[in-house]
Amino acid sequence: MDIIAPVKNFLLLLLCAAFLLAGCGRQKKKDHLVIGVSYQNLQYEFTIYLQDAIRSQAKKMNIELIELDSRGKAEDQISEVENFIAFGVDVIILNPCDKEGSAPAVDIAVREKTPIVVLNTIVTNFQKAQAFVGSEDAEAGRIAANYMVSLLKGKGSIAVIHGLNGH
């Protein structure tokens, strides 16, 4: 299954949303958009797919990226968001490490009036962000479960593996 094409389309939508949000209530000082991206952990293959797709689309759209890897530490994400704001990025993309631990990063961006887009993983206060780009986990779970049931035709076992908080 080719995961790259859907991820690229998904991220094109994300970058377009970020581009539109950058114009909301902020003075444009630069001739191009600057987006700060805080990744949850670039040791994860899917996160690397996200990064590759974001880079590809940003290049096409003449968007400067400042990318940081929080290595799974929510406290690092909070510091990264503070640094993005101090640097004066136009928009922040937050790929949260933790549903609760990364939530203060959203509060900080909102308080400082820097648009923030939450990507792929929810935080407890994601509704405060300008946008959430990702799937609705309960619905995705129902779709996956129904597909597995149809494949197994009432026979066999299914193992459930729980990942990180917020996934």
Foldseek 3Di string as FASTA:
>chain_A
DDPLVVLLVLVLVVVVVLVVQLPPPDDDPDPAAEEEEEAQAPVDPVSVSNVVSNVVNCVVRVYHYDYDYQRLQLVSLLVSLVVCVVVPGSEYEYADSAQASNVVSLVVCVVSVRAYEYEAFHHPPNVSHPYYRHDDVVVVVVVVVVVVCVVQVPDDDDDDDDDHHRD
